[in-house]
Amino acid sequence: MSNEQLDDKRMAGDYEIKTAIRIGGVEIVFGENQELDKPYFCGVYSRNEIFAQYTQCMVSDGYAEIIQLFGHRVQEQADKVLAEQASLNLPVKTVTADDCFPHDYSQNIEGKVVAVKAESLAPEYRTSNHQLILIIGGNGASGKGRGNACFCVNLYTGEHCRWERYDIQGIVKPEAMPEWANQRESEIRNIQHQPKEKSRSEDAR
């Protein structure tokens, strides 16, 4: 979790964002505009590859009221992260550069299990269940590709995702692969190798 005092002016409507805390995939923000009747603002900021938005917006003329709401929302998000970590029921750690082979940008990494750099993830997600991915395609996966996009499958969740080649720490060394990751890799590879016709019929169920 990071508490960021913003140097550059950032606006949410008429409110200047003074403080933002990122936790659980969103930012809880506090804003202020003393020229308004209700000068204090609290909202939830989220973004994806397509758009960004502020939701759950609340304004007030009471500073303490908005700060209380701000703190409550931060606590809610922290509780969600802690609940997720408790539900894993498996040992997790941060995958470091020492756990990976040196990253050679000229190497084709399609079909390899790699780790996302910890610094490319939010602090609360810098664990192996978020880092370990199987590369399944993309221009960035090729050593001679012109792009950076790498299409992947998260080993823990099985969800498809996209990372840039510069976000990749490297191919994970066999001895650094957790037992759960080895099992999930085999399961995901089996699914990837199924005939497309079978996959379509299963999706239609």
N, C-alpha and C. Protein backbone atom coordinates (compact mmCIF):
# COMPACT_ATOMS: atom_id res chain seq x y z
N MET A 1 0.84 -1.18 0.00
CA MET A 1 0.00 0.00 0.00
C MET A 1 0.88 1.24 0.00
N SER A 2 0.57 2.20 -0.83
CA SER A 2 1.37 3.41 -0.89
C SER A 2 0.50 4.62 -0.65
N ASN A 3 1.04 5.58 0.07
CA ASN A 3 0.36 6.83 0.33
C ASN A 3 1.09 7.90 -0.47
N GLU A 4 0.44 8.41 -1.52
CA GLU A 4 1.11 9.29 -2.46
C GLU A 4 0.62 10.71 -2.29
N GLN A 5 1.50 11.62 -1.91
CA GLN A 5 1.21 13.03 -1.93
C GLN A 5 1.55 13.52 -3.33
N LEU A 6 0.56 14.01 -4.06
CA LEU A 6 0.74 14.28 -5.47
C LEU A 6 1.31 15.67 -5.70
N ASP A 7 2.46 15.76 -6.40
CA ASP A 7 3.09 17.03 -6.70
C ASP A 7 2.39 17.73 -7.86
N ASP A 8 2.06 17.00 -8.92
CA ASP A 8 1.38 17.58 -10.07
C ASP A 8 -0.12 17.64 -9.79
N LYS A 9 -0.72 18.74 -10.23
CA LYS A 9 -2.15 18.93 -9.97
C LYS A 9 -2.95 17.87 -10.73
N ARG A 10 -3.77 17.18 -10.02
CA ARG A 10 -4.63 16.14 -10.58
C ARG A 10 -6.05 16.47 -10.17
N MET A 11 -6.97 16.45 -11.12
CA MET A 11 -8.32 16.89 -10.87
C MET A 11 -9.33 15.75 -11.03
N ALA A 12 -10.35 15.78 -10.18
CA ALA A 12 -11.53 14.94 -10.33
C ALA A 12 -12.70 15.92 -10.37
N GLY A 13 -13.11 16.27 -11.58
CA GLY A 13 -14.09 17.32 -11.71
C GLY A 13 -13.49 18.65 -11.25
N ASP A 14 -14.15 19.29 -10.30
CA ASP A 14 -13.68 20.57 -9.77
C ASP A 14 -12.74 20.41 -8.58
N TYR A 15 -12.45 19.19 -8.19
CA TYR A 15 -11.66 18.95 -6.98
C TYR A 15 -10.23 18.57 -7.32
N GLU A 16 -9.29 19.18 -6.63
CA GLU A 16 -7.89 18.82 -6.77
C GLU A 16 -7.59 17.66 -5.83
N ILE A 17 -7.07 16.58 -6.38
CA ILE A 17 -6.75 15.42 -5.57
C ILE A 17 -5.50 15.71 -4.75
N LYS A 18 -5.63 15.63 -3.45
CA LYS A 18 -4.53 15.92 -2.54
C LYS A 18 -3.79 14.66 -2.09
N THR A 19 -4.54 13.58 -1.92
CA THR A 19 -3.94 12.33 -1.44
C THR A 19 -4.62 11.15 -2.13
N ALA A 20 -3.84 10.14 -2.49
CA ALA A 20 -4.38 8.92 -3.09
C ALA A 20 -3.66 7.73 -2.50
N ILE A 21 -4.41 6.75 -2.08
CA ILE A 21 -3.85 5.50 -1.57
C ILE A 21 -4.33 4.37 -2.44
N ARG A 22 -3.38 3.66 -3.05
CA ARG A 22 -3.73 2.53 -3.91
C ARG A 22 -3.71 1.25 -3.10
N ILE A 23 -4.82 0.52 -3.15
CA ILE A 23 -4.91 -0.75 -2.44
C ILE A 23 -6.03 -1.58 -3.07
N GLY A 24 -5.74 -2.85 -3.31
CA GLY A 24 -6.76 -3.74 -3.85
C GLY A 24 -7.18 -3.44 -5.27
N GLY A 25 -6.27 -2.90 -6.08
CA GLY A 25 -6.57 -2.66 -7.48
C GLY A 25 -7.25 -1.35 -7.79
N VAL A 26 -7.52 -0.53 -6.78
CA VAL A 26 -8.13 0.79 -6.99
C VAL A 26 -7.38 1.82 -6.15
N GLU A 27 -7.69 3.09 -6.39
CA GLU A 27 -7.17 4.16 -5.56
C GLU A 27 -8.30 4.81 -4.79
N ILE A 28 -8.10 5.01 -3.50
CA ILE A 28 -9.02 5.81 -2.70
C ILE A 28 -8.43 7.21 -2.68
N VAL A 29 -9.22 8.19 -3.11
CA VAL A 29 -8.68 9.54 -3.28
C VAL A 29 -9.42 10.54 -2.40
N PHE A 30 -8.68 11.55 -1.95
CA PHE A 30 -9.23 12.68 -1.21
C PHE A 30 -8.92 13.95 -1.99
N GLY A 31 -9.97 14.76 -2.23
CA GLY A 31 -9.79 16.00 -2.98
C GLY A 31 -10.34 17.19 -2.23
N GLU A 32 -9.96 18.37 -2.73
CA GLU A 32 -10.35 19.60 -2.04
C GLU A 32 -10.51 20.75 -3.03
N ASN A 33 -11.50 21.60 -2.77
CA ASN A 33 -11.68 22.85 -3.51
C ASN A 33 -12.38 23.83 -2.57
N GLN A 34 -11.63 24.74 -1.98
CA GLN A 34 -12.16 25.64 -0.98
C GLN A 34 -13.09 26.71 -1.56
N GLU A 35 -13.22 26.78 -2.86
CA GLU A 35 -14.14 27.73 -3.48
C GLU A 35 -15.56 27.20 -3.58
N LEU A 36 -15.75 25.93 -3.24
CA LEU A 36 -17.07 25.31 -3.32
C LEU A 36 -17.75 25.28 -1.96
N ASP A 37 -19.09 25.19 -1.97
CA ASP A 37 -19.85 25.09 -0.72
C ASP A 37 -19.51 23.81 0.03
N LYS A 38 -19.26 22.75 -0.74
CA LYS A 38 -18.83 21.49 -0.16
C LYS A 38 -17.42 21.21 -0.67
N PRO A 39 -16.43 21.67 0.06
CA PRO A 39 -15.06 21.69 -0.47
C PRO A 39 -14.30 20.37 -0.41
N TYR A 40 -14.86 19.34 0.21
CA TYR A 40 -14.10 18.10 0.41
C TYR A 40 -14.73 16.95 -0.38
N PHE A 41 -13.86 16.13 -0.95
CA PHE A 41 -14.29 15.07 -1.88
C PHE A 41 -13.59 13.77 -1.55
N CYS A 42 -14.31 12.67 -1.68
CA CYS A 42 -13.72 11.32 -1.56
C CYS A 42 -14.32 10.46 -2.66
N GLY A 43 -13.46 9.72 -3.35
CA GLY A 43 -13.94 8.85 -4.42
C GLY A 43 -13.03 7.64 -4.59
N VAL A 44 -13.44 6.75 -5.47
CA VAL A 44 -12.68 5.55 -5.80
C VAL A 44 -12.30 5.63 -7.27
N TYR A 45 -11.01 5.59 -7.53
CA TYR A 45 -10.51 5.72 -8.89
C TYR A 45 -10.04 4.36 -9.38
N SER A 46 -10.47 4.00 -10.59
CA SER A 46 -10.03 2.75 -11.21
C SER A 46 -9.81 2.99 -12.69
N ARG A 47 -8.96 2.15 -13.28
CA ARG A 47 -8.70 2.28 -14.70
C ARG A 47 -8.31 0.93 -15.29
N ASN A 48 -8.55 0.79 -16.60
CA ASN A 48 -8.09 -0.38 -17.34
C ASN A 48 -7.49 0.12 -18.64
N GLU A 49 -7.30 -0.79 -19.60
CA GLU A 49 -6.65 -0.40 -20.85
C GLU A 49 -7.52 0.52 -21.69
N ILE A 50 -8.82 0.59 -21.39
CA ILE A 50 -9.75 1.34 -22.23
C ILE A 50 -10.11 2.69 -21.62
N PHE A 51 -10.44 2.73 -20.33
CA PHE A 51 -10.88 3.98 -19.73
C PHE A 51 -10.57 4.00 -18.24
N ALA A 52 -10.70 5.20 -17.68
CA ALA A 52 -10.52 5.41 -16.25
C ALA A 52 -11.75 6.12 -15.72
N GLN A 53 -12.08 5.92 -14.45
CA GLN A 53 -13.26 6.55 -13.90
C GLN A 53 -13.17 6.72 -12.39
N TYR A 54 -13.90 7.72 -11.90
CA TYR A 54 -14.12 7.91 -10.47
C TYR A 54 -15.53 7.45 -10.14
N THR A 55 -15.66 6.62 -9.12
CA THR A 55 -16.96 6.13 -8.69
C THR A 55 -17.10 6.33 -7.18
N GLN A 56 -18.29 6.06 -6.68
CA GLN A 56 -18.60 6.18 -5.25
C GLN A 56 -18.17 7.55 -4.71
N CYS A 57 -18.47 8.58 -5.48
CA CYS A 57 -18.02 9.93 -5.13
C CYS A 57 -18.91 10.53 -4.03
N MET A 58 -18.29 11.16 -3.09
CA MET A 58 -18.99 11.82 -1.99
C MET A 58 -18.34 13.16 -1.72
N VAL A 59 -19.17 14.22 -1.54
CA VAL A 59 -18.66 15.54 -1.20
C VAL A 59 -19.29 15.99 0.10
N SER A 60 -18.61 16.88 0.81
CA SER A 60 -19.10 17.33 2.11
C SER A 60 -18.46 18.67 2.48
N ASP A 61 -19.14 19.39 3.38
CA ASP A 61 -18.53 20.59 3.95
C ASP A 61 -17.79 20.26 5.25
N GLY A 62 -17.81 18.98 5.61
CA GLY A 62 -17.15 18.54 6.84
C GLY A 62 -15.87 17.77 6.54
N TYR A 63 -14.74 18.32 6.90
CA TYR A 63 -13.46 17.67 6.66
C TYR A 63 -13.38 16.32 7.37
N ALA A 64 -13.76 16.31 8.65
CA ALA A 64 -13.66 15.07 9.43
C ALA A 64 -14.53 13.97 8.85
N GLU A 65 -15.70 14.35 8.33
CA GLU A 65 -16.61 13.36 7.75
C GLU A 65 -15.98 12.68 6.53
N ILE A 66 -15.36 13.49 5.66
CA ILE A 66 -14.75 12.94 4.46
C ILE A 66 -13.50 12.12 4.80
N ILE A 67 -12.72 12.59 5.75
CA ILE A 67 -11.54 11.83 6.15
C ILE A 67 -11.94 10.49 6.78
N GLN A 68 -13.03 10.50 7.54
CA GLN A 68 -13.53 9.24 8.11
C GLN A 68 -13.94 8.27 7.00
N LEU A 69 -14.63 8.79 5.97
CA LEU A 69 -15.03 7.96 4.84
C LEU A 69 -13.81 7.45 4.09
N PHE A 70 -12.84 8.33 3.88
CA PHE A 70 -11.59 7.96 3.22
C PHE A 70 -10.92 6.80 3.95
N GLY A 71 -10.79 6.91 5.26
CA GLY A 71 -10.16 5.86 6.05
C GLY A 71 -10.95 4.57 6.02
N HIS A 72 -12.29 4.68 6.05
CA HIS A 72 -13.14 3.49 6.02
C HIS A 72 -12.97 2.74 4.70
N ARG A 73 -12.89 3.48 3.59
CA ARG A 73 -12.74 2.83 2.29
C ARG A 73 -11.37 2.18 2.14
N VAL A 74 -10.34 2.82 2.66
CA VAL A 74 -9.01 2.21 2.64
C VAL A 74 -9.03 0.91 3.44
N GLN A 75 -9.67 0.95 4.60
CA GLN A 75 -9.75 -0.26 5.45
C GLN A 75 -10.50 -1.38 4.73
N GLU A 76 -11.58 -1.04 4.05
CA GLU A 76 -12.35 -2.05 3.31
C GLU A 76 -11.48 -2.74 2.25
N GLN A 77 -10.73 -1.94 1.51
CA GLN A 77 -9.87 -2.52 0.48
C GLN A 77 -8.75 -3.36 1.07
N ALA A 78 -8.19 -2.90 2.18
CA ALA A 78 -7.14 -3.68 2.85
C ALA A 78 -7.70 -5.00 3.35
N ASP A 79 -8.92 -4.99 3.87
CA ASP A 79 -9.55 -6.22 4.33
C ASP A 79 -9.75 -7.21 3.18
N LYS A 80 -10.09 -6.69 1.99
CA LYS A 80 -10.27 -7.57 0.83
C LYS A 80 -8.96 -8.24 0.45
N VAL A 81 -7.88 -7.46 0.48
CA VAL A 81 -6.57 -8.02 0.14
C VAL A 81 -6.16 -9.08 1.15
N LEU A 82 -6.35 -8.80 2.44
CA LEU A 82 -6.00 -9.76 3.48
C LEU A 82 -6.84 -11.02 3.38
N ALA A 83 -8.12 -10.87 3.03
CA ALA A 83 -9.00 -12.04 2.87
C ALA A 83 -8.53 -12.90 1.70
N GLU A 84 -8.11 -12.25 0.61
CA GLU A 84 -7.60 -12.99 -0.54
C GLU A 84 -6.34 -13.76 -0.17
N GLN A 85 -5.44 -13.11 0.54
CA GLN A 85 -4.19 -13.77 0.93
C GLN A 85 -4.46 -14.95 1.86
N ALA A 86 -5.44 -14.79 2.78
CA ALA A 86 -5.76 -15.87 3.71
C ALA A 86 -6.41 -17.06 3.01
N SER A 87 -7.12 -16.78 1.89
CA SER A 87 -7.83 -17.85 1.19
C SER A 87 -6.94 -18.67 0.27
N LEU A 88 -5.71 -18.23 0.05
CA LEU A 88 -4.84 -18.92 -0.89
C LEU A 88 -4.53 -20.33 -0.43
N ASN A 89 -4.29 -20.50 0.86
CA ASN A 89 -4.00 -21.82 1.42
C ASN A 89 -2.81 -22.48 0.74
N LEU A 90 -1.82 -21.66 0.42
CA LEU A 90 -0.58 -22.18 -0.16
C LEU A 90 0.53 -21.18 0.14
N PRO A 91 1.75 -21.68 0.23
CA PRO A 91 2.86 -20.76 0.51
C PRO A 91 3.15 -19.88 -0.69
N VAL A 92 3.22 -18.59 -0.45
CA VAL A 92 3.53 -17.66 -1.53
C VAL A 92 4.72 -16.81 -1.13
N LYS A 93 5.46 -16.39 -2.12
CA LYS A 93 6.60 -15.51 -1.90
C LYS A 93 6.76 -14.63 -3.12
N THR A 94 7.66 -13.69 -3.02
CA THR A 94 7.98 -12.84 -4.17
C THR A 94 9.04 -13.53 -5.02
N VAL A 95 8.78 -13.65 -6.31
CA VAL A 95 9.76 -14.22 -7.23
C VAL A 95 10.73 -13.12 -7.61
N THR A 96 12.01 -13.34 -7.37
CA THR A 96 13.03 -12.33 -7.61
C THR A 96 13.87 -12.67 -8.84
N ALA A 97 14.79 -11.78 -9.16
CA ALA A 97 15.69 -12.01 -10.29
C ALA A 97 16.54 -13.26 -10.08
N ASP A 98 16.88 -13.57 -8.84
CA ASP A 98 17.67 -14.76 -8.54
C ASP A 98 16.91 -16.05 -8.85
N ASP A 99 15.59 -15.98 -8.90
CA ASP A 99 14.77 -17.15 -9.19
C ASP A 99 14.58 -17.36 -10.69
N CYS A 100 15.13 -16.46 -11.49
CA CYS A 100 14.92 -16.51 -12.94
C CYS A 100 16.26 -16.53 -13.68
N PHE A 101 16.23 -17.07 -14.89
CA PHE A 101 17.39 -16.95 -15.76
C PHE A 101 17.47 -15.50 -16.24
N PRO A 102 18.68 -15.02 -16.52
CA PRO A 102 18.81 -13.65 -17.03
C PRO A 102 17.92 -13.44 -18.25
N HIS A 103 17.23 -12.32 -18.28
CA HIS A 103 16.26 -12.07 -19.34
C HIS A 103 16.99 -11.65 -20.62
N ASP A 104 16.88 -12.51 -21.63
CA ASP A 104 17.49 -12.25 -22.94
C ASP A 104 16.37 -11.82 -23.89
N TYR A 105 16.37 -10.54 -24.26
CA TYR A 105 15.30 -10.00 -25.09
C TYR A 105 15.30 -10.58 -26.51
N SER A 106 16.39 -11.23 -26.91
CA SER A 106 16.44 -11.84 -28.24
C SER A 106 15.86 -13.25 -28.24
N GLN A 107 15.51 -13.76 -27.07
CA GLN A 107 15.01 -15.13 -26.94
C GLN A 107 13.50 -15.18 -27.13
N ASN A 108 13.03 -16.21 -27.80
CA ASN A 108 11.60 -16.46 -27.93
C ASN A 108 11.11 -17.10 -26.63
N ILE A 109 10.18 -16.46 -25.95
CA ILE A 109 9.71 -16.97 -24.66
C ILE A 109 8.31 -17.57 -24.75
N GLU A 110 7.76 -17.71 -25.97
CA GLU A 110 6.45 -18.33 -26.09
C GLU A 110 6.51 -19.76 -25.58
N GLY A 111 5.53 -20.14 -24.78
CA GLY A 111 5.49 -21.47 -24.19
C GLY A 111 6.29 -21.62 -22.91
N LYS A 112 6.90 -20.52 -22.44
CA LYS A 112 7.71 -20.55 -21.23
C LYS A 112 6.94 -19.97 -20.04
N VAL A 113 7.28 -20.47 -18.85
CA VAL A 113 6.75 -19.88 -17.62
C VAL A 113 7.72 -18.80 -17.17
N VAL A 114 7.22 -17.60 -17.05
CA VAL A 114 8.04 -16.47 -16.65
C VAL A 114 7.44 -15.80 -15.43
N ALA A 115 8.21 -14.89 -14.85
CA ALA A 115 7.73 -14.12 -13.71
C ALA A 115 7.63 -12.66 -14.10
N VAL A 116 6.55 -12.03 -13.68
CA VAL A 116 6.41 -10.59 -13.85
C VAL A 116 7.28 -9.90 -12.80
N LYS A 117 7.94 -8.83 -13.18
CA LYS A 117 8.75 -8.08 -12.22
C LYS A 117 7.88 -7.60 -11.06
N ALA A 118 8.40 -7.71 -9.86
CA ALA A 118 7.64 -7.28 -8.69
C ALA A 118 7.27 -5.81 -8.79
N GLU A 119 8.20 -4.99 -9.29
CA GLU A 119 7.94 -3.55 -9.35
C GLU A 119 6.88 -3.18 -10.38
N SER A 120 6.50 -4.12 -11.24
CA SER A 120 5.43 -3.86 -12.21
C SER A 120 4.06 -4.12 -11.60
N LEU A 121 4.03 -4.65 -10.40
CA LEU A 121 2.78 -4.95 -9.70
C LEU A 121 2.60 -4.00 -8.52
N ALA A 122 1.35 -3.80 -8.13
CA ALA A 122 1.08 -3.03 -6.93
C ALA A 122 1.69 -3.76 -5.73
N PRO A 123 2.12 -3.03 -4.70
CA PRO A 123 2.80 -3.66 -3.56
C PRO A 123 2.06 -4.85 -2.96
N GLU A 124 0.73 -4.78 -2.90
CA GLU A 124 -0.03 -5.86 -2.26
C GLU A 124 -0.12 -7.11 -3.14
N TYR A 125 0.32 -7.00 -4.41
CA TYR A 125 0.22 -8.13 -5.33
C TYR A 125 1.59 -8.68 -5.74
N ARG A 126 2.62 -8.35 -5.02
CA ARG A 126 3.97 -8.80 -5.38
C ARG A 126 4.28 -10.17 -4.80
N THR A 127 3.47 -11.15 -5.20
CA THR A 127 3.63 -12.53 -4.75
C THR A 127 3.51 -13.46 -5.94
N SER A 128 4.00 -14.68 -5.77
CA SER A 128 4.12 -15.61 -6.89
C SER A 128 2.78 -15.92 -7.57
N ASN A 129 1.69 -15.91 -6.83
CA ASN A 129 0.40 -16.21 -7.45
C ASN A 129 -0.03 -15.13 -8.44
N HIS A 130 0.54 -13.94 -8.33
CA HIS A 130 0.28 -12.89 -9.31
C HIS A 130 1.41 -12.77 -10.33
N GLN A 131 2.59 -13.25 -10.00
CA GLN A 131 3.75 -13.08 -10.88
C GLN A 131 3.91 -14.18 -11.92
N LEU A 132 3.57 -15.42 -11.58
CA LEU A 132 3.89 -16.55 -12.45
C LEU A 132 2.87 -16.68 -13.58
N ILE A 133 3.35 -16.60 -14.82
CA ILE A 133 2.48 -16.66 -15.98
C ILE A 133 3.09 -17.55 -17.06
N LEU A 134 2.23 -18.14 -17.87
CA LEU A 134 2.64 -18.93 -19.03
C LEU A 134 2.43 -18.07 -20.27
N ILE A 135 3.48 -17.85 -21.04
CA ILE A 135 3.39 -17.04 -22.25
C ILE A 135 2.79 -17.89 -23.37
N ILE A 136 1.72 -17.39 -24.00
CA ILE A 136 1.06 -18.16 -25.05
C ILE A 136 1.08 -17.46 -26.41
N GLY A 137 1.62 -16.25 -26.48
CA GLY A 137 1.68 -15.58 -27.78
C GLY A 137 1.98 -14.09 -27.63
N GLY A 138 1.84 -13.39 -28.75
CA GLY A 138 2.08 -11.95 -28.77
C GLY A 138 3.40 -11.59 -29.44
N ASN A 139 3.44 -10.42 -30.07
CA ASN A 139 4.66 -9.98 -30.75
C ASN A 139 5.84 -9.87 -29.80
N GLY A 140 5.56 -9.49 -28.55
CA GLY A 140 6.64 -9.33 -27.59
C GLY A 140 7.26 -10.64 -27.16
N ALA A 141 6.55 -11.75 -27.38
CA ALA A 141 7.09 -13.05 -26.97
C ALA A 141 8.21 -13.50 -27.89
N SER A 142 8.22 -13.01 -29.11
CA SER A 142 9.25 -13.40 -30.07
C SER A 142 10.50 -12.56 -29.88
N GLY A 143 11.62 -13.19 -29.98
CA GLY A 143 12.87 -12.46 -29.84
C GLY A 143 13.09 -11.45 -30.94
N LYS A 144 12.38 -11.61 -32.06
CA LYS A 144 12.54 -10.69 -33.17
C LYS A 144 11.27 -9.88 -33.40
N GLY A 145 10.37 -9.92 -32.43
CA GLY A 145 9.11 -9.19 -32.57
C GLY A 145 9.31 -7.68 -32.53
N ARG A 146 8.44 -6.98 -33.22
CA ARG A 146 8.52 -5.52 -33.25
C ARG A 146 7.74 -4.90 -32.09
N GLY A 147 6.87 -5.66 -31.48
CA GLY A 147 6.06 -5.12 -30.40
C GLY A 147 6.52 -5.62 -29.05
N ASN A 148 5.78 -5.23 -28.01
CA ASN A 148 6.10 -5.64 -26.64
C ASN A 148 5.02 -6.52 -26.01
N ALA A 149 3.87 -6.61 -26.66
CA ALA A 149 2.74 -7.32 -26.05
C ALA A 149 3.02 -8.81 -25.92
N CYS A 150 2.80 -9.32 -24.72
CA CYS A 150 2.90 -10.75 -24.44
C CYS A 150 1.56 -11.22 -23.90
N PHE A 151 0.95 -12.18 -24.57
CA PHE A 151 -0.31 -12.74 -24.10
C PHE A 151 -0.02 -13.95 -23.24
N CYS A 152 -0.69 -14.02 -22.11
CA CYS A 152 -0.29 -14.97 -21.07
C CYS A 152 -1.51 -15.57 -20.39
N VAL A 153 -1.22 -16.59 -19.59
CA VAL A 153 -2.20 -17.18 -18.69
C VAL A 153 -1.60 -17.17 -17.29
N ASN A 154 -2.33 -16.59 -16.33
CA ASN A 154 -1.88 -16.61 -14.95
C ASN A 154 -1.95 -18.04 -14.42
N LEU A 155 -0.84 -18.56 -13.91
CA LEU A 155 -0.81 -19.96 -13.47
C LEU A 155 -1.78 -20.23 -12.33
N TYR A 156 -1.94 -19.30 -11.44
CA TYR A 156 -2.79 -19.56 -10.27
C TYR A 156 -4.27 -19.48 -10.62
N THR A 157 -4.68 -18.41 -11.31
CA THR A 157 -6.10 -18.21 -11.57
C THR A 157 -6.56 -18.85 -12.87
N GLY A 158 -5.62 -19.07 -13.81
CA GLY A 158 -6.00 -19.57 -15.13
C GLY A 158 -6.56 -18.50 -16.03
N GLU A 159 -6.55 -17.26 -15.59
CA GLU A 159 -7.11 -16.16 -16.37
C GLU A 159 -6.11 -15.69 -17.44
N HIS A 160 -6.65 -15.30 -18.59
CA HIS A 160 -5.81 -14.74 -19.64
C HIS A 160 -5.50 -13.27 -19.31
N CYS A 161 -4.30 -12.87 -19.63
CA CYS A 161 -3.88 -11.51 -19.33
C CYS A 161 -2.85 -11.07 -20.37
N ARG A 162 -2.46 -9.83 -20.28
CA ARG A 162 -1.44 -9.27 -21.18
C ARG A 162 -0.42 -8.51 -20.36
N TRP A 163 0.84 -8.75 -20.67
CA TRP A 163 1.93 -7.97 -20.09
C TRP A 163 2.85 -7.51 -21.21
N GLU A 164 3.62 -6.47 -20.94
CA GLU A 164 4.61 -6.02 -21.91
C GLU A 164 5.93 -6.76 -21.66
N ARG A 165 6.73 -6.91 -22.71
CA ARG A 165 7.98 -7.67 -22.58
C ARG A 165 8.89 -7.06 -21.51
N TYR A 166 8.87 -5.74 -21.38
CA TYR A 166 9.74 -5.10 -20.38
C TYR A 166 9.26 -5.31 -18.94
N ASP A 167 8.05 -5.86 -18.78
CA ASP A 167 7.56 -6.19 -17.44
C ASP A 167 8.01 -7.57 -16.97
N ILE A 168 8.65 -8.32 -17.87
CA ILE A 168 9.02 -9.71 -17.57
C ILE A 168 10.38 -9.76 -16.89
N GLN A 169 10.43 -10.46 -15.75
CA GLN A 169 11.70 -10.63 -15.03
C GLN A 169 12.59 -11.64 -15.73
N GLY A 170 11.99 -12.72 -16.23
CA GLY A 170 12.76 -13.75 -16.91
C GLY A 170 12.07 -15.10 -16.79
N ILE A 171 12.62 -16.09 -17.48
CA ILE A 171 12.11 -17.46 -17.38
C ILE A 171 12.46 -18.00 -16.00
N VAL A 172 11.48 -18.60 -15.35
CA VAL A 172 11.69 -19.08 -13.98
C VAL A 172 12.52 -20.36 -13.99
N LYS A 173 13.50 -20.40 -13.11
CA LYS A 173 14.34 -21.59 -12.98
C LYS A 173 13.49 -22.76 -12.44
N PRO A 174 13.71 -23.97 -12.92
CA PRO A 174 12.91 -25.12 -12.46
C PRO A 174 12.91 -25.28 -10.94
N GLU A 175 14.06 -25.07 -10.32
CA GLU A 175 14.14 -25.26 -8.86
C GLU A 175 13.40 -24.17 -8.08
N ALA A 176 13.06 -23.08 -8.76
CA ALA A 176 12.35 -21.99 -8.09
C ALA A 176 10.84 -22.08 -8.26
N MET A 177 10.39 -23.04 -9.05
CA MET A 177 8.96 -23.18 -9.30
C MET A 177 8.28 -23.86 -8.10
N PRO A 178 7.27 -23.23 -7.49
CA PRO A 178 6.54 -23.87 -6.40
C PRO A 178 5.82 -25.12 -6.90
N GLU A 179 5.53 -26.03 -5.98
CA GLU A 179 4.85 -27.27 -6.36
C GLU A 179 3.49 -26.99 -6.99
N TRP A 180 2.75 -26.04 -6.40
CA TRP A 180 1.42 -25.72 -6.93
C TRP A 180 1.52 -25.19 -8.36
N ALA A 181 2.59 -24.43 -8.66
CA ALA A 181 2.76 -23.85 -9.99
C ALA A 181 3.05 -24.92 -11.03
N ASN A 182 3.84 -25.92 -10.65
CA ASN A 182 4.12 -27.03 -11.57
C ASN A 182 2.83 -27.76 -11.94
N GLN A 183 1.99 -27.98 -10.95
CA GLN A 183 0.73 -28.68 -11.19
C GLN A 183 -0.19 -27.85 -12.09
N ARG A 184 -0.30 -26.56 -11.78
CA ARG A 184 -1.17 -25.69 -12.57
C ARG A 184 -0.65 -25.53 -13.99
N GLU A 185 0.67 -25.51 -14.15
CA GLU A 185 1.24 -25.41 -15.50
C GLU A 185 0.82 -26.60 -16.35
N SER A 186 0.89 -27.79 -15.78
CA SER A 186 0.49 -28.99 -16.52
C SER A 186 -0.98 -28.94 -16.91
N GLU A 187 -1.82 -28.50 -15.98
CA GLU A 187 -3.25 -28.42 -16.25
C GLU A 187 -3.54 -27.41 -17.36
N ILE A 188 -2.88 -26.26 -17.30
CA ILE A 188 -3.13 -25.22 -18.30
C ILE A 188 -2.62 -25.64 -19.67
N ARG A 189 -1.46 -26.29 -19.70
CA ARG A 189 -0.94 -26.77 -20.99
C ARG A 189 -1.89 -27.79 -21.62
N ASN A 190 -2.47 -28.65 -20.81
CA ASN A 190 -3.42 -29.64 -21.32
C ASN A 190 -4.63 -28.95 -21.94
N ILE A 191 -5.10 -27.91 -21.28
CA ILE A 191 -6.24 -27.15 -21.81
C ILE A 191 -5.87 -26.47 -23.12
N GLN A 192 -4.66 -25.88 -23.16
CA GLN A 192 -4.21 -25.19 -24.37
C GLN A 192 -4.09 -26.13 -25.56
N HIS A 193 -3.79 -27.40 -25.30
CA HIS A 193 -3.58 -28.36 -26.37
C HIS A 193 -4.86 -29.05 -26.81
N GLN A 194 -5.98 -28.77 -26.15
CA GLN A 194 -7.24 -29.38 -26.55
C GLN A 194 -7.67 -28.84 -27.91
N PRO A 195 -8.32 -29.67 -28.74
CA PRO A 195 -8.81 -29.19 -30.05
C PRO A 195 -9.77 -28.03 -29.86
N LYS A 196 -9.73 -27.09 -30.79
CA LYS A 196 -10.60 -25.92 -30.69
C LYS A 196 -12.06 -26.28 -30.66
N GLU A 197 -12.46 -27.33 -31.41
CA GLU A 197 -13.86 -27.73 -31.44
C GLU A 197 -14.32 -28.13 -30.05
N LYS A 198 -13.48 -28.84 -29.31
CA LYS A 198 -13.85 -29.26 -27.97
C LYS A 198 -13.96 -28.06 -27.05
N SER A 199 -13.03 -27.12 -27.18
CA SER A 199 -13.06 -25.93 -26.34
C SER A 199 -14.33 -25.15 -26.57
N ARG A 200 -14.77 -25.04 -27.85
CA ARG A 200 -15.99 -24.28 -28.14
C ARG A 200 -17.20 -24.96 -27.53
N SER A 201 -17.25 -26.30 -27.59
CA SER A 201 -18.41 -26.99 -27.03
C SER A 201 -18.46 -26.85 -25.53
N GLU A 202 -17.30 -26.82 -24.89
CA GLU A 202 -17.27 -26.68 -23.45
C GLU A 202 -17.71 -25.28 -23.05
N ASP A 203 -17.31 -24.27 -23.84
CA ASP A 203 -17.69 -22.90 -23.54
C ASP A 203 -19.19 -22.69 -23.66
N ALA A 204 -19.84 -23.50 -24.49
CA ALA A 204 -21.26 -23.32 -24.74
C ALA A 204 -22.12 -23.93 -23.64
N ARG A 205 -21.53 -24.69 -22.74
CA ARG A 205 -22.31 -25.35 -21.69
C ARG A 205 -22.85 -24.32 -20.71
